[in-house]
């Protein structure tokens, strides 16, 4: 039988490394001239386990207004909530894996192999021929719940250590994670974890 999430977390030092690398990436992001001129309202971890995707996302008030104008002209004018909190509409979606080479290199140096290992453990559960279906379901649920608890702990520490204070923020700055899973039929499960005031 495979390892529990607690064993995986301990082996990889997942929570500590995720916190430290996120803190470092945010610090580099804050230093960009275009970022210093904007006011941000939300940060999210954007996670797709099956696709090995782990994105860091931020959105500003200015880019939100551009998105709203686009959708008001179309058929989505009644979905303002999704526009505000759906990272797919954010300008700085997965900025750790996109158009900022320095930030991408910082992230990939330590976190890319760790994230790959996490997803590998998850995949191994799904295709373990020594497990019956109910064991796969139970192990998957245990893995998933442990993984989410780790994300919640990291977010709580991000709040405690005030890693976003280098950004100009709205009065209420939201921090949460979005998780997409195939078995949820691609519906986003949004967990609002904490707010900065």
Protein backbone atom coordinates (compact mmCIF):
# COMPACT_ATOMS: atom_id res chain seq x y z
CA UNK A 1 0.00 0.00 0.00
CA UNK A 2 1.22 3.50 -0.85
CA UNK A 3 2.32 6.21 1.52
CA UNK A 4 -0.10 8.40 3.43
CA UNK A 5 -0.20 12.12 2.72
CA UNK A 6 1.50 12.82 6.07
CA UNK A 7 4.43 10.64 5.00
CA UNK A 8 4.59 12.30 1.58
CA UNK A 9 4.41 15.77 3.14
CA UNK A 10 7.21 14.87 5.53
CA UNK A 11 9.42 13.29 2.82
CA UNK A 12 9.08 16.30 0.52
CA UNK A 13 8.85 18.99 3.21
CA UNK A 14 5.99 20.17 1.03
CA UNK A 15 4.40 22.81 3.26
CA UNK A 16 7.65 24.55 4.16
CA UNK A 17 8.97 24.60 0.61
CA UNK A 18 5.64 25.74 -0.86
CA UNK A 19 5.52 28.60 1.61
CA UNK A 20 9.13 29.67 1.09
CA UNK A 21 8.99 29.52 -2.71
CA UNK A 22 5.64 31.31 -2.85
CA UNK A 23 7.04 34.03 -0.58
CA UNK A 24 10.11 34.40 -2.80
CA UNK A 25 8.07 34.50 -6.01
CA UNK A 26 5.66 37.10 -4.57
CA UNK A 27 8.63 39.26 -3.55
CA UNK A 28 10.04 39.14 -7.09
CA UNK A 29 6.60 39.82 -8.57
CA UNK A 30 6.15 42.90 -6.34
CA UNK A 31 9.41 44.34 -7.70
CA UNK A 32 8.13 44.50 -11.29
CA UNK A 33 7.42 48.14 -12.32
CA UNK A 34 4.04 47.28 -13.89
CA UNK A 35 2.94 45.63 -10.64
CA UNK A 36 3.86 48.56 -8.41
CA UNK A 37 1.36 50.75 -10.24
CA UNK A 38 -1.63 48.46 -9.67
CA UNK A 39 -3.95 47.66 -6.77
CA UNK A 40 -4.69 43.96 -6.22
CA UNK A 41 -7.81 42.39 -4.73
CA UNK A 42 -7.09 38.63 -4.71
CA UNK A 43 -4.52 35.84 -4.81
CA UNK A 44 -5.28 32.19 -5.54
CA UNK A 45 -3.51 28.87 -5.85
CA UNK A 46 -4.93 27.31 -9.04
CA UNK A 47 -4.57 23.52 -8.84
CA UNK A 48 -5.37 20.70 -11.27
CA UNK A 49 -4.04 17.44 -9.91
CA UNK A 50 -4.72 15.38 -13.03
CA UNK A 51 -2.94 17.91 -15.25
CA UNK A 52 0.04 18.42 -12.92
CA UNK A 53 -0.81 22.10 -12.78
CA UNK A 54 -0.07 24.32 -9.78
CA UNK A 55 -0.43 28.01 -10.55
CA UNK A 56 0.03 31.18 -8.53
CA UNK A 57 -2.49 33.79 -9.58
CA UNK A 58 -3.12 37.46 -8.81
CA UNK A 59 -5.59 39.95 -10.19
CA UNK A 60 -5.77 43.71 -9.95
CA UNK A 61 -8.73 46.08 -9.88
CA UNK A 62 -7.66 47.57 -13.22
CA UNK A 63 -7.55 44.26 -15.09
CA UNK A 64 -10.82 43.21 -13.43
CA UNK A 65 -12.57 46.23 -14.93
CA UNK A 66 -11.29 45.28 -18.40
CA UNK A 67 -12.71 41.75 -17.94
CA UNK A 68 -16.06 43.13 -16.81
CA UNK A 69 -16.31 45.36 -19.88
CA UNK A 70 -15.59 42.38 -22.13
CA UNK A 71 -18.28 40.19 -20.57
CA UNK A 72 -20.92 42.91 -20.30
CA UNK A 73 -20.89 43.05 -24.09
CA UNK A 74 -21.32 39.29 -24.34
CA UNK A 75 -23.61 36.70 -22.80
CA UNK A 76 -21.95 36.48 -19.38
CA UNK A 77 -23.03 39.81 -17.89
CA UNK A 78 -24.99 37.98 -15.15
CA UNK A 79 -21.89 36.15 -13.89
CA UNK A 80 -19.92 38.92 -12.23
CA UNK A 81 -18.98 36.70 -9.30
CA UNK A 82 -17.25 34.24 -11.63
CA UNK A 83 -15.44 37.08 -13.37
CA UNK A 84 -14.12 38.34 -10.04
CA UNK A 85 -12.95 34.99 -8.66
CA UNK A 86 -12.36 32.74 -11.68
CA UNK A 87 -8.61 32.80 -12.29
CA UNK A 88 -9.16 31.91 -15.96
CA UNK A 89 -10.10 35.56 -16.52
CA UNK A 90 -7.15 36.99 -14.58
CA UNK A 91 -4.28 38.77 -16.30
CA UNK A 92 -1.74 37.29 -13.88
CA UNK A 93 -2.98 33.71 -14.04
CA UNK A 94 -0.22 31.22 -13.16
CA UNK A 95 2.41 33.96 -13.30
CA UNK A 96 4.91 31.46 -11.86
CA UNK A 97 4.65 29.43 -15.09
CA UNK A 98 4.21 32.05 -17.79
CA UNK A 99 5.73 35.25 -19.13
CA UNK A 100 8.17 36.15 -16.34
CA UNK A 101 11.33 34.05 -16.92
CA UNK A 102 13.05 35.03 -13.65
CA UNK A 103 9.99 34.17 -11.58
CA UNK A 104 9.44 30.95 -13.52
CA UNK A 105 13.06 29.91 -12.95
CA UNK A 106 12.84 30.63 -9.21
CA UNK A 107 9.67 28.55 -8.94
CA UNK A 108 10.87 25.68 -11.11
CA UNK A 109 14.21 25.34 -9.34
CA UNK A 110 12.68 23.89 -6.18
CA UNK A 111 8.94 23.53 -6.61
CA UNK A 112 8.60 21.89 -10.03
CA UNK A 113 10.15 18.56 -8.93
CA UNK A 114 8.20 18.62 -5.66
CA UNK A 115 4.88 19.25 -7.41
CA UNK A 116 5.73 16.52 -9.93
CA UNK A 117 6.37 14.09 -7.05
CA UNK A 118 3.04 14.97 -5.43
CA UNK A 119 1.17 14.33 -8.66
CA UNK A 120 3.12 11.13 -9.21
CA UNK A 121 2.03 9.78 -5.83
CA UNK A 122 -1.55 10.65 -6.69
CA UNK A 123 -1.32 8.90 -10.06
CA UNK A 124 0.25 5.81 -8.50
CA UNK A 125 -2.81 5.38 -6.29
CA UNK A 126 -5.09 5.47 -9.35
CA UNK A 127 -3.16 2.76 -11.20
CA UNK A 128 -2.06 0.44 -8.39
CA UNK A 129 -3.01 -3.09 -9.53
CA UNK A 130 -2.69 -4.34 -5.97
CA UNK A 131 -5.62 -2.23 -4.80
CA UNK A 132 -9.31 -2.95 -5.19
CA UNK A 133 -11.69 -0.13 -6.17
CA UNK A 134 -12.81 0.73 -2.66
CA UNK A 135 -9.19 0.97 -1.48
CA UNK A 136 -8.38 3.32 -4.37
CA UNK A 137 -11.35 5.52 -3.42
CA UNK A 138 -10.36 5.58 0.26
CA UNK A 139 -6.68 6.27 -0.44
CA UNK A 140 -7.53 8.96 -2.98
CA UNK A 141 -9.84 10.68 -0.51
CA UNK A 142 -7.22 10.49 2.24
CA UNK A 143 -4.53 11.86 -0.08
CA UNK A 144 -6.78 14.65 -1.31
CA UNK A 145 -7.92 15.71 2.16
CA UNK A 146 -4.35 15.75 3.44
CA UNK A 147 -3.15 17.72 0.43
CA UNK A 148 -5.89 20.33 0.93
CA UNK A 149 -5.10 20.62 4.65
CA UNK A 150 -1.49 21.36 3.70
CA UNK A 151 -2.60 24.09 1.29
CA UNK A 152 -4.78 25.60 4.03
CA UNK A 153 -1.85 25.62 6.45
CA UNK A 154 0.36 27.37 3.93
CA UNK A 155 -2.30 30.01 3.27
CA UNK A 156 -2.75 30.59 6.99
CA UNK A 157 1.00 31.11 7.34
CA UNK A 158 1.03 33.47 4.35
CA UNK A 159 -1.52 35.58 6.19
CA UNK A 160 0.34 35.44 9.50
CA UNK A 161 3.66 36.43 7.96
CA UNK A 162 2.07 39.11 5.74
CA UNK A 163 3.85 38.13 2.55
CA UNK A 164 1.54 40.29 0.40
CA UNK A 165 2.35 43.58 2.12
CA UNK A 166 4.69 44.46 -0.75
CA UNK A 167 1.60 44.79 -2.98
CA UNK A 168 -0.86 47.65 -3.09
CA UNK A 169 -4.09 45.96 -2.02
CA UNK A 170 -7.77 46.73 -1.69
CA UNK A 171 -9.23 47.04 1.82
CA UNK A 172 -10.28 43.41 1.65
CA UNK A 173 -7.69 41.25 -0.07
CA UNK A 174 -8.85 37.67 -0.61
CA UNK A 175 -6.59 34.62 -0.54
CA UNK A 176 -7.95 31.21 -1.49
CA UNK A 177 -7.41 28.20 -3.71
CA UNK A 178 -9.25 26.82 -6.71
CA UNK A 179 -9.16 23.14 -7.39
CA UNK A 180 -10.25 21.45 -10.59
CA UNK A 181 -10.83 17.70 -10.72
CA UNK A 182 -11.99 15.45 -13.54
CA UNK A 183 -14.43 13.64 -11.26
CA UNK A 184 -16.08 16.98 -10.47
CA UNK A 185 -16.80 17.43 -14.18
CA UNK A 186 -14.44 20.39 -14.45
CA UNK A 187 -16.47 22.46 -12.01
CA UNK A 188 -14.35 24.73 -9.88
CA UNK A 189 -14.41 24.08 -6.17
CA UNK A 190 -13.51 27.37 -4.52
CA UNK A 191 -12.45 27.51 -0.90
CA UNK A 192 -12.25 30.98 0.60
CA UNK A 193 -9.60 30.53 3.24
CA UNK A 194 -8.74 33.96 4.56
CA UNK A 195 -8.88 37.67 3.96
CA UNK A 196 -6.42 40.47 4.52
CA UNK A 197 -7.69 43.74 5.93
